[in-house]
Amino acid sequence: QVQLVESGGGLVQPGGSLRLSCAASGFTSSMYAMSWYRRAPGKERELVAAIDSIDSAGAMTNYADSVKGRFTISRDNAKNTGYLQMNSLKTEDTAVYYCNFRRSDRNYWGQGTQVTVSS
C-alpha cells in the first residue's frame, strides 16, 4: 500500500538548518510531482516548494517567496525519497511540514513533521 514517512523535523535555533525527508513506498514516486507544504498555527496551509516528476520537461522547481534562497527541494528517485533542505531558518518557519506526491487523480500526503524555530 501507499505510504509516505516523513522525518527530520525538530527544534532548531534561528539561523540553523534542518533537512526533511519523505520516504515513499507502494508507488513509483519519480513519476509524481512532489511538493512540501506547511501549516503554521492559526494559518492556512501554504505551498513551500515543488519539483516536477521525472517525465516532465526538466525537473523544474518552484518556491514560495518567503523561502527562496533558503530552502532547496530535491529528490532521489533511486531511493524513492524526497527532501527539503532548510537553511537560515527563521521563527516564522515554525510549522508542521507535509510532503505531497501528485499525479493525475492520485494525491498522497505524508503524516507531517513538526519544525520549531526558537531560541
PDB file of N, CA and C in Angstrom:
ATOM      1  N   GLN A   1       0.826  -1.174   0.000  1.00  0.00           N
ATOM      2  CA  GLN A   1       0.000   0.000   0.000  1.00  0.00           C
ATOM      3  C   GLN A   1       0.880   1.251   0.000  1.00  0.00           C
ATOM      4  N   VAL A   2       0.266   2.363  -0.378  1.00  0.00           N
ATOM      5  CA  VAL A   2       0.991   3.625  -0.433  1.00  0.00           C
ATOM      6  C   VAL A   2       1.306   4.100   0.979  1.00  0.00           C
ATOM      7  N   GLN A   3       2.544   4.523   1.161  1.00  0.00           N
ATOM      8  CA  GLN A   3       2.960   5.054   2.457  1.00  0.00           C
ATOM      9  C   GLN A   3       4.004   6.137   2.243  1.00  0.00           C
ATOM     10  N   LEU A   4       3.858   7.219   2.975  1.00  0.00           N
ATOM     11  CA  LEU A   4       4.850   8.293   2.999  1.00  0.00           C
ATOM     12  C   LEU A   4       5.277   8.481   4.449  1.00  0.00           C
ATOM     13  N   VAL A   5       6.566   8.395   4.692  1.00  0.00           N
ATOM     14  CA  VAL A   5       7.086   8.539   6.044  1.00  0.00           C
ATOM     15  C   VAL A   5       8.033   9.726   6.076  1.00  0.00           C
ATOM     16  N   GLU A   6       7.630  10.727   6.832  1.00  0.00           N
ATOM     17  CA  GLU A   6       8.448  11.926   6.958  1.00  0.00           C
ATOM     18  C   GLU A   6       9.356  11.839   8.179  1.00  0.00           C
ATOM     19  N   SER A   7      10.492  12.504   8.059  1.00  0.00           N
ATOM     20  CA  SER A   7      11.419  12.572   9.195  1.00  0.00           C
ATOM     21  C   SER A   7      12.272  13.824   9.058  1.00  0.00           C
ATOM     22  N   GLY A   8      12.980  14.161  10.124  1.00  0.00           N
ATOM     23  CA  GLY A   8      13.924  15.263  10.070  1.00  0.00           C
ATOM     24  C   GLY A   8      13.484  16.531  10.772  1.00  0.00           C
ATOM     25  N   GLY A   9      12.246  16.577  11.215  1.00  0.00           N
ATOM     26  CA  GLY A   9      11.800  17.761  11.922  1.00  0.00           C
ATOM     27  C   GLY A   9      12.405  17.844  13.319  1.00  0.00           C
ATOM     28  N   GLY A  10      12.178  18.980  13.972  1.00  0.00           N
ATOM     29  CA  GLY A  10      12.702  19.134  15.318  1.00  0.00           C
ATOM     30  C   GLY A  10      12.770  20.582  15.724  1.00  0.00           C
ATOM     31  N   LEU A  11      13.503  20.813  16.807  1.00  0.00           N
ATOM     32  CA  LEU A  11      13.695  22.156  17.342  1.00  0.00           C
ATOM     33  C   LEU A  11      15.070  22.670  16.919  1.00  0.00           C
ATOM     34  N   VAL A  12      15.102  23.872  16.388  1.00  0.00           N
ATOM     35  CA  VAL A  12      16.358  24.457  15.929  1.00  0.00           C
ATOM     36  C   VAL A  12      16.352  25.943  16.250  1.00  0.00           C
ATOM     37  N   GLN A  13      17.515  26.494  16.482  1.00  0.00           N
ATOM     38  CA  GLN A  13      17.613  27.920  16.752  1.00  0.00           C
ATOM     39  C   GLN A  13      17.538  28.714  15.456  1.00  0.00           C
ATOM     40  N   PRO A  14      17.121  29.961  15.543  1.00  0.00           N
ATOM     41  CA  PRO A  14      17.124  30.813  14.341  1.00  0.00           C
ATOM     42  C   PRO A  14      18.511  30.838  13.700  1.00  0.00           C
ATOM     43  N   GLY A  15      18.511  30.744  12.369  1.00  0.00           N
ATOM     44  CA  GLY A  15      19.766  30.672  11.633  1.00  0.00           C
ATOM     45  C   GLY A  15      20.249  29.270  11.399  1.00  0.00           C
ATOM     46  N   GLY A  16      19.637  28.307  12.046  1.00  0.00           N
ATOM     47  CA  GLY A  16      20.041  26.917  11.905  1.00  0.00           C
ATOM     48  C   GLY A  16      19.470  26.256  10.664  1.00  0.00           C
ATOM     49  N   SER A  17      19.774  24.953  10.543  1.00  0.00           N
ATOM     50  CA  SER A  17      19.356  24.188   9.363  1.00  0.00           C
ATOM     51  C   SER A  17      18.713  22.872   9.778  1.00  0.00           C
ATOM     52  N   LEU A  18      17.833  22.406   8.936  1.00  0.00           N
ATOM     53  CA  LEU A  18      17.241  21.079   9.054  1.00  0.00           C
ATOM     54  C   LEU A  18      17.048  20.520   7.658  1.00  0.00           C
ATOM     55  N   ARG A  19      17.057  19.187   7.550  1.00  0.00           N
ATOM     56  CA  ARG A  19      16.703  18.546   6.296  1.00  0.00           C
ATOM     57  C   ARG A  19      15.567  17.575   6.558  1.00  0.00           C
ATOM     58  N   LEU A  20      14.466  17.827   5.891  1.00  0.00           N
ATOM     59  CA  LEU A  20      13.315  16.940   5.976  1.00  0.00           C
ATOM     60  C   LEU A  20      13.412  15.875   4.890  1.00  0.00           C
ATOM     61  N   SER A  21      12.999  14.675   5.236  1.00  0.00           N
ATOM     62  CA  SER A  21      12.955  13.571   4.274  1.00  0.00           C
ATOM     63  C   SER A  21      11.538  13.030   4.190  1.00  0.00           C
ATOM     64  N   CYS A  22      11.199  12.525   3.038  1.00  0.00           N
ATOM     65  CA  CYS A  22       9.888  11.909   2.828  1.00  0.00           C
ATOM     66  C   CYS A  22      10.105  10.629   2.030  1.00  0.00           C
ATOM     67  N   ALA A  23      10.086   9.500   2.723  1.00  0.00           N
ATOM     68  CA  ALA A  23      10.324   8.204   2.088  1.00  0.00           C
ATOM     69  C   ALA A  23       9.009   7.623   1.598  1.00  0.00           C
ATOM     70  N   ALA A  24       8.954   7.352   0.295  1.00  0.00           N
ATOM     71  CA  ALA A  24       7.725   6.840  -0.317  1.00  0.00           C
ATOM     72  C   ALA A  24       7.824   5.338  -0.569  1.00  0.00           C
ATOM     73  N   SER A  25       6.718   4.665  -0.449  1.00  0.00           N
ATOM     74  CA  SER A  25       6.644   3.250  -0.794  1.00  0.00           C
ATOM     75  C   SER A  25       5.255   2.937  -1.330  1.00  0.00           C
ATOM     76  N   GLY A  26       5.187   1.892  -2.133  1.00  0.00           N
ATOM     77  CA  GLY A  26       3.905   1.482  -2.696  1.00  0.00           C
ATOM     78  C   GLY A  26       3.586   2.125  -4.032  1.00  0.00           C
ATOM     79  N   PHE A  27       4.451   2.991  -4.514  1.00  0.00           N
ATOM     80  CA  PHE A  27       4.285   3.610  -5.828  1.00  0.00           C
ATOM     81  C   PHE A  27       5.640   4.135  -6.279  1.00  0.00           C
ATOM     82  N   THR A  28       5.743   4.432  -7.572  1.00  0.00           N
ATOM     83  CA  THR A  28       6.985   4.946  -8.135  1.00  0.00           C
ATOM     84  C   THR A  28       6.972   6.456  -8.027  1.00  0.00           C
ATOM     85  N   SER A  29       7.598   6.968  -6.997  1.00  0.00           N
ATOM     86  CA  SER A  29       7.468   8.396  -6.693  1.00  0.00           C
ATOM     87  C   SER A  29       8.063   9.287  -7.767  1.00  0.00           C
ATOM     88  N   SER A  30       9.025   8.767  -8.548  1.00  0.00           N
ATOM     89  CA  SER A  30       9.659   9.600  -9.566  1.00  0.00           C
ATOM     90  C   SER A  30       8.675  10.047 -10.637  1.00  0.00           C
ATOM     91  N   MET A  31       7.580   9.328 -10.787  1.00  0.00           N
ATOM     92  CA  MET A  31       6.576   9.670 -11.793  1.00  0.00           C
ATOM     93  C   MET A  31       5.562  10.692 -11.277  1.00  0.00           C
ATOM     94  N   TYR A  32       5.755  11.140 -10.083  1.00  0.00           N
ATOM     95  CA  TYR A  32       4.844  12.073  -9.446  1.00  0.00           C
ATOM     96  C   TYR A  32       5.545  13.405  -9.186  1.00  0.00           C
ATOM     97  N   ALA A  33       4.804  14.485  -9.346  1.00  0.00           N
ATOM     98  CA  ALA A  33       5.292  15.771  -8.874  1.00  0.00           C
ATOM     99  C   ALA A  33       5.315  15.734  -7.353  1.00  0.00           C
ATOM    100  N   MET A  34       6.342  16.358  -6.783  1.00  0.00           N
ATOM    101  CA  MET A  34       6.470  16.352  -5.335  1.00  0.00           C
ATOM    102  C   MET A  34       6.454  17.773  -4.814  1.00  0.00           C
ATOM    103  N   SER A  35       5.804  17.944  -3.684  1.00  0.00           N
ATOM    104  CA  SER A  35       5.738  19.262  -3.055  1.00  0.00           C
ATOM    105  C   SER A  35       5.908  19.131  -1.554  1.00  0.00           C
ATOM    106  N   TRP A  36       6.278  20.223  -0.951  1.00  0.00           N
ATOM    107  CA  TRP A  36       6.264  20.369   0.503  1.00  0.00           C
ATOM    108  C   TRP A  36       5.326  21.518   0.849  1.00  0.00           C
ATOM    109  N   TYR A  37       4.463  21.271   1.807  1.00  0.00           N
ATOM    110  CA  TYR A  37       3.551  22.277   2.322  1.00  0.00           C
ATOM    111  C   TYR A  37       3.843  22.437   3.810  1.00  0.00           C
ATOM    112  N   ARG A  38       3.326  23.538   4.343  1.00  0.00           N
ATOM    113  CA  ARG A  38       3.409  23.716   5.792  1.00  0.00           C
ATOM    114  C   ARG A  38       2.138  24.409   6.297  1.00  0.00           C
ATOM    115  N   ARG A  39       1.860  24.139   7.563  1.00  0.00           N
ATOM    116  CA  ARG A  39       0.735  24.803   8.217  1.00  0.00           C
ATOM    117  C   ARG A  39       1.213  25.311   9.566  1.00  0.00           C
ATOM    118  N   ALA A  40       1.212  26.621   9.698  1.00  0.00           N
ATOM    119  CA  ALA A  40       1.601  27.245  10.955  1.00  0.00           C
ATOM    120  C   ALA A  40       0.351  27.427  11.816  1.00  0.00           C
ATOM    121  N   PRO A  41       0.516  27.519  13.107  1.00  0.00           N
ATOM    122  CA  PRO A  41      -0.640  27.685  13.994  1.00  0.00           C
ATOM    123  C   PRO A  41      -1.473  28.897  13.607  1.00  0.00           C
ATOM    124  N   GLY A  42      -2.767  28.663  13.433  1.00  0.00           N
ATOM    125  CA  GLY A  42      -3.675  29.750  13.108  1.00  0.00           C
ATOM    126  C   GLY A  42      -3.609  30.237  11.679  1.00  0.00           C
ATOM    127  N   LYS A  43      -2.879  29.523  10.832  1.00  0.00           N
ATOM    128  CA  LYS A  43      -2.748  29.955   9.438  1.00  0.00           C
ATOM    129  C   LYS A  43      -3.194  28.856   8.488  1.00  0.00           C
ATOM    130  N   GLU A  44      -3.431  29.246   7.240  1.00  0.00           N
ATOM    131  CA  GLU A  44      -3.801  28.295   6.214  1.00  0.00           C
ATOM    132  C   GLU A  44      -2.567  27.498   5.764  1.00  0.00           C
ATOM    133  N   ARG A  45      -2.841  26.327   5.193  1.00  0.00           N
ATOM    134  CA  ARG A  45      -1.753  25.545   4.622  1.00  0.00           C
ATOM    135  C   ARG A  45      -1.112  26.321   3.472  1.00  0.00           C
ATOM    136  N   GLU A  46       0.211  26.265   3.405  1.00  0.00           N
ATOM    137  CA  GLU A  46       0.971  27.050   2.438  1.00  0.00           C
ATOM    138  C   GLU A  46       1.893  26.147   1.640  1.00  0.00           C
ATOM    139  N   LEU A  47       1.922  26.343   0.317  1.00  0.00           N
ATOM    140  CA  LEU A  47       2.874  25.632  -0.520  1.00  0.00           C
ATOM    141  C   LEU A  47       4.259  26.237  -0.306  1.00  0.00           C
ATOM    142  N   VAL A  48       5.215  25.411   0.048  1.00  0.00           N
ATOM    143  CA  VAL A  48       6.570  25.869   0.318  1.00  0.00           C
ATOM    144  C   VAL A  48       7.469  25.686  -0.900  1.00  0.00           C
ATOM    145  N   ALA A  49       7.433  24.486  -1.488  1.00  0.00           N
ATOM    146  CA  ALA A  49       8.319  24.188  -2.614  1.00  0.00           C
ATOM    147  C   ALA A  49       7.737  23.033  -3.412  1.00  0.00           C
ATOM    148  N   ALA A  50       8.084  22.983  -4.701  1.00  0.00           N
ATOM    149  CA  ALA A  50       7.583  21.922  -5.565  1.00  0.00           C
ATOM    150  C   ALA A  50       8.640  21.571  -6.601  1.00  0.00           C
ATOM    151  N   ILE A  51       8.597  20.307  -7.042  1.00  0.00           N
ATOM    152  CA  ILE A  51       9.517  19.842  -8.079  1.00  0.00           C
ATOM    153  C   ILE A  51       8.767  18.904  -9.006  1.00  0.00           C
ATOM    154  N   ASP A  52       9.081  18.990 -10.296  1.00  0.00           N
ATOM    155  CA  ASP A  52       8.373  18.182 -11.293  1.00  0.00           C
ATOM    156  C   ASP A  52       8.722  16.702 -11.175  1.00  0.00           C
ATOM    157  N   SER A  53       7.913  15.889 -11.855  1.00  0.00           N
ATOM    158  CA  SER A  53       8.197  14.468 -11.962  1.00  0.00           C
ATOM    159  C   SER A  53       9.316  14.226 -12.966  1.00  0.00           C
ATOM    160  N   ILE A  54       9.842  13.001 -12.977  1.00  0.00           N
ATOM    161  CA  ILE A  54      10.998  12.676 -13.823  1.00  0.00           C
ATOM    162  C   ILE A  54      10.647  12.764 -15.296  1.00  0.00           C
ATOM    163  N   ASP A  55       9.354  12.581 -15.641  1.00  0.00           N
ATOM    164  CA  ASP A  55       8.959  12.591 -17.045  1.00  0.00           C
ATOM    165  C   ASP A  55       8.517  13.967 -17.509  1.00  0.00           C
ATOM    166  N   SER A  56       8.757  14.971 -16.699  1.00  0.00           N
ATOM    167  CA  SER A  56       8.469  16.332 -17.127  1.00  0.00           C
ATOM    168  C   SER A  56       9.660  16.878 -17.905  1.00  0.00           C
ATOM    169  N   ALA A  57       9.410  17.911 -18.694  1.00  0.00           N
ATOM    170  CA  ALA A  57      10.484  18.512 -19.497  1.00  0.00           C
ATOM    171  C   ALA A  57      11.359  19.344 -18.567  1.00  0.00           C
ATOM    172  N   GLY A  58      12.297  18.687 -17.914  1.00  0.00           N
ATOM    173  CA  GLY A  58      13.166  19.383 -16.968  1.00  0.00           C
ATOM    174  C   GLY A  58      12.562  19.368 -15.579  1.00  0.00           C
ATOM    175  N   ALA A  59      13.344  19.055 -14.586  1.00  0.00           N
ATOM    176  CA  ALA A  59      12.861  18.962 -13.206  1.00  0.00           C
ATOM    177  C   ALA A  59      12.769  20.369 -12.635  1.00  0.00           C
ATOM    178  N   MET A  60      11.741  21.090 -13.064  1.00  0.00           N
ATOM    179  CA  MET A  60      11.576  22.469 -12.618  1.00  0.00           C
ATOM    180  C   MET A  60      11.215  22.498 -11.144  1.00  0.00           C
ATOM    181  N   THR A  61      11.698  23.520 -10.474  1.00  0.00           N
ATOM    182  CA  THR A  61      11.376  23.726  -9.069  1.00  0.00           C
ATOM    183  C   THR A  61      10.722  25.084  -8.892  1.00  0.00           C
ATOM    184  N   ASN A  62       9.882  25.163  -7.897  1.00  0.00           N
ATOM    185  CA  ASN A  62       9.238  26.418  -7.541  1.00  0.00           C
ATOM    186  C   ASN A  62       9.251  26.576  -6.034  1.00  0.00           C
ATOM    187  N   TYR A  63       9.355  27.812  -5.586  1.00  0.00           N
ATOM    188  CA  TYR A  63       9.433  28.091  -4.159  1.00  0.00           C
ATOM    189  C   TYR A  63       8.534  29.261  -3.790  1.00  0.00           C
ATOM    190  N   ALA A  64       8.022  29.197  -2.587  1.00  0.00           N
ATOM    191  CA  ALA A  64       7.330  30.364  -2.041  1.00  0.00           C
ATOM    192  C   ALA A  64       8.346  31.494  -1.877  1.00  0.00           C
ATOM    193  N   ASP A  65       7.900  32.704  -2.082  1.00  0.00           N
ATOM    194  CA  ASP A  65       8.813  33.850  -1.958  1.00  0.00           C
ATOM    195  C   ASP A  65       9.492  33.891  -0.585  1.00  0.00           C
ATOM    196  N   SER A  66       8.773  33.449   0.418  1.00  0.00           N
ATOM    197  CA  SER A  66       9.287  33.539   1.784  1.00  0.00           C
ATOM    198  C   SER A  66      10.464  32.603   2.053  1.00  0.00           C
ATOM    199  N   VAL A  67      10.665  31.606   1.183  1.00  0.00           N
ATOM    200  CA  VAL A  67      11.748  30.644   1.421  1.00  0.00           C
ATOM    201  C   VAL A  67      12.796  30.627   0.311  1.00  0.00           C
ATOM    202  N   LYS A  68      12.592  31.406  -0.726  1.00  0.00           N
ATOM    203  CA  LYS A  68      13.557  31.431  -1.829  1.00  0.00           C
ATOM    204  C   LYS A  68      14.940  31.804  -1.334  1.00  0.00           C
ATOM    205  N   GLY A  69      15.936  31.052  -1.809  1.00  0.00           N
ATOM    206  CA  GLY A  69      17.305  31.308  -1.400  1.00  0.00           C
ATOM    207  C   GLY A  69      17.685  30.648  -0.090  1.00  0.00           C
ATOM    208  N   ARG A  70      16.708  30.108   0.640  1.00  0.00           N
ATOM    209  CA  ARG A  70      16.994  29.463   1.918  1.00  0.00           C
ATOM    210  C   ARG A  70      16.672  27.963   1.894  1.00  0.00           C
ATOM    211  N   PHE A  71      15.616  27.583   1.174  1.00  0.00           N
ATOM    212  CA  PHE A  71      15.171  26.184   1.112  1.00  0.00           C
ATOM    213  C   PHE A  71      15.496  25.605  -0.256  1.00  0.00           C
ATOM    214  N   THR A  72      15.774  24.305  -0.277  1.00  0.00           N
ATOM    215  CA  THR A  72      16.020  23.596  -1.523  1.00  0.00           C
ATOM    216  C   THR A  72      15.269  22.272  -1.515  1.00  0.00           C
ATOM    217  N   ILE A  73      14.449  22.081  -2.537  1.00  0.00           N
ATOM    218  CA  ILE A  73      13.732  20.822  -2.688  1.00  0.00           C
ATOM    219  C   ILE A  73      14.508  19.924  -3.634  1.00  0.00           C
ATOM    220  N   SER A  74      14.547  18.644  -3.330  1.00  0.00           N
ATOM    221  CA  SER A  74      15.247  17.698  -4.193  1.00  0.00           C
ATOM    222  C   SER A  74      14.629  16.310  -4.027  1.00  0.00           C
ATOM    223  N   ARG A  75      15.048  15.413  -4.893  1.00  0.00           N
ATOM    224  CA  ARG A  75      14.533  14.056  -4.808  1.00  0.00           C
ATOM    225  C   ARG A  75      15.607  13.077  -5.239  1.00  0.00           C
ATOM    226  N   ASP A  76      15.593  11.911  -4.628  1.00  0.00           N
ATOM    227  CA  ASP A  76      16.484  10.813  -5.007  1.00  0.00           C
ATOM    228  C   ASP A  76      15.569   9.700  -5.512  1.00  0.00           C
ATOM    229  N   ASN A  77      15.444   9.608  -6.812  1.00  0.00           N
ATOM    230  CA  ASN A  77      14.487   8.664  -7.381  1.00  0.00           C
ATOM    231  C   ASN A  77      14.894   7.213  -7.121  1.00  0.00           C
ATOM    232  N   ALA A  78      16.182   6.975  -7.025  1.00  0.00           N
ATOM    233  CA  ALA A  78      16.634   5.608  -6.736  1.00  0.00           C
ATOM    234  C   ALA A  78      16.183   5.163  -5.351  1.00  0.00           C
ATOM    235  N   LYS A  79      16.087   6.114  -4.424  1.00  0.00           N
ATOM    236  CA  LYS A  79      15.677   5.801  -3.060  1.00  0.00           C
ATOM    237  C   LYS A  79      14.192   6.047  -2.828  1.00  0.00           C
ATOM    238  N   ASN A  80      13.500   6.545  -3.864  1.00  0.00           N
ATOM    239  CA  ASN A  80      12.072   6.849  -3.721  1.00  0.00           C
ATOM    240  C   ASN A  80      11.832   7.825  -2.569  1.00  0.00           C
ATOM    241  N   THR A  81      12.689   8.823  -2.464  1.00  0.00           N
ATOM    242  CA  THR A  81      12.662   9.742  -1.328  1.00  0.00           C
ATOM    243  C   THR A  81      12.794  11.181  -1.800  1.00  0.00           C
ATOM    244  N   GLY A  82      12.042  12.053  -1.155  1.00  0.00           N
ATOM    245  CA  GLY A  82      12.141  13.474  -1.403  1.00  0.00           C
ATOM    246  C   GLY A  82      12.705  14.183  -0.198  1.00  0.00           C
ATOM    247  N   TYR A  83      13.268  15.367  -0.447  1.00  0.00           N
ATOM    248  CA  TYR A  83      13.931  16.099   0.616  1.00  0.00           C
ATOM    249  C   TYR A  83      13.565  17.581   0.559  1.00  0.00           C
ATOM    250  N   LEU A  84      13.707  18.219   1.713  1.00  0.00           N
ATOM    251  CA  LEU A  84      13.616  19.673   1.788  1.00  0.00           C
ATOM    252  C   LEU A  84      14.736  20.132   2.706  1.00  0.00           C
ATOM    253  N   GLN A  85      15.747  20.737   2.104  1.00  0.00           N
ATOM    254  CA  GLN A  85      16.846  21.293   2.882  1.00  0.00           C
ATOM    255  C   GLN A  85      16.474  22.707   3.275  1.00  0.00           C
ATOM    256  N   MET A  86      16.499  22.982   4.567  1.00  0.00           N
ATOM    257  CA  MET A  86      16.078  24.285   5.063  1.00  0.00           C
ATOM    258  C   MET A  86      17.247  24.937   5.798  1.00  0.00           C
ATOM    259  N   ASN A  87      17.709  26.033   5.263  1.00  0.00           N
ATOM    260  CA  ASN A  87      18.826  26.779   5.860  1.00  0.00           C
ATOM    261  C   ASN A  87      18.356  28.146   6.321  1.00  0.00           C
ATOM    262  N   SER A  88      19.162  28.775   7.149  1.00  0.00           N
ATOM    263  CA  SER A  88      18.859  30.126   7.651  1.00  0.00           C
ATOM    264  C   SER A  88      17.436  30.202   8.171  1.00  0.00           C
ATOM    265  N   LEU A  89      17.078  29.247   8.989  1.00  0.00           N
ATOM    266  CA  LEU A  89      15.698  29.166   9.471  1.00  0.00           C
ATOM    267  C   LEU A  89      15.331  30.365  10.334  1.00  0.00           C
ATOM    268  N   LYS A  90      14.073  30.763  10.209  1.00  0.00           N
ATOM    269  CA  LYS A  90      13.528  31.892  10.946  1.00  0.00           C
ATOM    270  C   LYS A  90      12.386  31.406  11.838  1.00  0.00           C
ATOM    271  N   THR A  91      12.068  32.210  12.835  1.00  0.00           N
ATOM    272  CA  THR A  91      10.980  31.803  13.731  1.00  0.00           C
ATOM    273  C   THR A  91       9.676  31.632  12.974  1.00  0.00           C
ATOM    274  N   GLU A  92       9.496  32.409  11.924  1.00  0.00           N
ATOM    275  CA  GLU A  92       8.264  32.299  11.138  1.00  0.00           C
ATOM    276  C   GLU A  92       8.197  31.046  10.283  1.00  0.00           C
ATOM    277  N   ASP A  93       9.262  30.265  10.244  1.00  0.00           N
ATOM    278  CA  ASP A  93       9.224  28.978   9.549  1.00  0.00           C
ATOM    279  C   ASP A  93       8.626  27.874  10.429  1.00  0.00           C
ATOM    280  N   THR A  94       8.346  28.190  11.669  1.00  0.00           N
ATOM    281  CA  THR A  94       7.746  27.212  12.570  1.00  0.00           C
ATOM    282  C   THR A  94       6.390  26.761  12.045  1.00  0.00           C
ATOM    283  N   ALA A  95       6.243  25.452  11.862  1.00  0.00           N
ATOM    284  CA  ALA A  95       5.014  24.898  11.294  1.00  0.00           C
ATOM    285  C   ALA A  95       5.124  23.378  11.267  1.00  0.00           C
ATOM    286  N   VAL A  96       4.023  22.738  10.940  1.00  0.00           N
ATOM    287  CA  VAL A  96       4.049  21.324  10.584  1.00  0.00           C
ATOM    288  C   VAL A  96       4.236  21.248   9.074  1.00  0.00           C
ATOM    289  N   TYR A  97       5.213  20.472   8.665  1.00  0.00           N
ATOM    290  CA  TYR A  97       5.556  20.341   7.250  1.00  0.00           C
ATOM    291  C   TYR A  97       5.055  18.994   6.713  1.00  0.00           C
ATOM    292  N   TYR A  98       4.446  19.054   5.534  1.00  0.00           N
ATOM    293  CA  TYR A  98       3.872  17.864   4.905  1.00  0.00           C
ATOM    294  C   TYR A  98       4.457  17.680   3.504  1.00  0.00           C
ATOM    295  N   CYS A  99       4.810  16.460   3.178  1.00  0.00           N
ATOM    296  CA  CYS A  99       5.193  16.170   1.801  1.00  0.00           C
ATOM    297  C   CYS A  99       3.953  15.684   1.043  1.00  0.00           C
ATOM    298  N   ASN A 100       4.006  15.900  -0.250  1.00  0.00           N
ATOM    299  CA  ASN A 100       2.881  15.543  -1.116  1.00  0.00           C
ATOM    300  C   ASN A 100       3.407  15.053  -2.451  1.00  0.00           C
ATOM    301  N   PHE A 101       2.825  13.956  -2.914  1.00  0.00           N
ATOM    302  CA  PHE A 101       3.121  13.441  -4.252  1.00  0.00           C
ATOM    303  C   PHE A 101       1.813  13.427  -5.032  1.00  0.00           C
ATOM    304  N   ARG A 102       1.861  13.948  -6.251  1.00  0.00           N
ATOM    305  CA  ARG A 102       0.622  14.090  -7.016  1.00  0.00           C
ATOM    306  C   ARG A 102       0.859  13.737  -8.482  1.00  0.00           C
ATOM    307  N   ARG A 103      -0.099  12.993  -9.041  1.00  0.00           N
ATOM    308  CA  ARG A 103      -0.085  12.695 -10.481  1.00  0.00           C
ATOM    309  C   ARG A 103      -1.504  12.392 -10.897  1.00  0.00           C
ATOM    310  N   SER A 104      -1.984  13.143 -11.863  1.00  0.00           N
ATOM    311  CA  SER A 104      -3.340  12.948 -12.361  1.00  0.00           C
ATOM    312  C   SER A 104      -4.299  13.005 -11.175  1.00  0.00           C
ATOM    313  N   ASP A 105      -5.070  11.966 -10.968  1.00  0.00           N
ATOM    314  CA  ASP A 105      -6.052  11.990  -9.882  1.00  0.00           C
ATOM    315  C   ASP A 105      -5.535  11.334  -8.612  1.00  0.00           C
ATOM    316  N   ARG A 106      -4.256  11.062  -8.546  1.00  0.00           N
ATOM    317  CA  ARG A 106      -3.658  10.451  -7.353  1.00  0.00           C
ATOM    318  C   ARG A 106      -2.917  11.518  -6.561  1.00  0.00           C
ATOM    319  N   ASN A 107      -3.202  11.543  -5.289  1.00  0.00           N
ATOM    320  CA  ASN A 107      -2.686  12.604  -4.431  1.00  0.00           C
ATOM    321  C   ASN A 107      -2.368  12.007  -3.067  1.00  0.00           C
ATOM    322  N   TYR A 108      -1.085  11.934  -2.712  1.00  0.00           N
ATOM    323  CA  TYR A 108      -0.665  11.266  -1.480  1.00  0.00           C
ATOM    324  C   TYR A 108       0.010  12.263  -0.543  1.00  0.00           C
ATOM    325  N   TRP A 109      -0.289  12.133   0.748  1.00  0.00           N
ATOM    326  CA  TRP A 109       0.230  13.049   1.762  1.00  0.00           C
ATOM    327  C   TRP A 109       0.995  12.293   2.841  1.00  0.00           C
ATOM    328  N   GLY A 110       2.061  12.937   3.319  1.00  0.00           N
ATOM    329  CA  GLY A 110       2.766  12.431   4.485  1.00  0.00           C
ATOM    330  C   GLY A 110       2.010  12.805   5.753  1.00  0.00           C
ATOM    331  N   GLN A 111       2.488  12.269   6.874  1.00  0.00           N
ATOM    332  CA  GLN A 111       1.790  12.460   8.144  1.00  0.00           C
ATOM    333  C   GLN A 111       2.122  13.800   8.795  1.00  0.00           C
ATOM    334  N   GLY A 112       3.145  14.463   8.290  1.00  0.00           N
ATOM    335  CA  GLY A 112       3.545  15.745   8.835  1.00  0.00           C
ATOM    336  C   GLY A 112       4.666  15.598   9.847  1.00  0.00           C
ATOM    337  N   THR A 113       5.543  16.591   9.852  1.00  0.00           N
ATOM    338  CA  THR A 113       6.629  16.618  10.836  1.00  0.00           C
ATOM    339  C   THR A 113       6.763  18.049  11.360  1.00  0.00           C
ATOM    340  N   GLN A 114       6.895  18.171  12.663  1.00  0.00           N
ATOM    341  CA  GLN A 114       6.930  19.493  13.302  1.00  0.00           C
ATOM    342  C   GLN A 114       8.315  20.105  13.189  1.00  0.00           C
ATOM    343  N   VAL A 115       8.347  21.341  12.740  1.00  0.00           N
ATOM    344  CA  VAL A 115       9.579  22.138  12.734  1.00  0.00           C
ATOM    345  C   VAL A 115       9.337  23.344  13.634  1.00  0.00           C
ATOM    346  N   THR A 116      10.177  23.485  14.641  1.00  0.00           N
ATOM    347  CA  THR A 116      10.061  24.610  15.559  1.00  0.00           C
ATOM    348  C   THR A 116      11.374  25.381  15.568  1.00  0.00           C
ATOM    349  N   VAL A 117      11.283  26.657  15.229  1.00  0.00           N
ATOM    350  CA  VAL A 117      12.464  27.519  15.206  1.00  0.00           C
ATOM    351  C   VAL A 117      12.333  28.499  16.366  1.00  0.00           C
ATOM    352  N   SER A 118      13.208  28.343  17.333  1.00  0.00           N
ATOM    353  CA  SER A 118      13.095  29.155  18.541  1.00  0.00           C
ATOM    354  C   SER A 118      14.439  29.208  19.252  1.00  0.00           C
ATOM    355  N   SER A 119      14.688  30.337  19.896  1.00  0.00           N
ATOM    356  CA  SER A 119      15.908  30.468  20.688  1.00  0.00           C
ATOM    357  C   SER A 119      15.634  30.104  22.148  1.00  0.00           C
TER     358      SER A 119
END
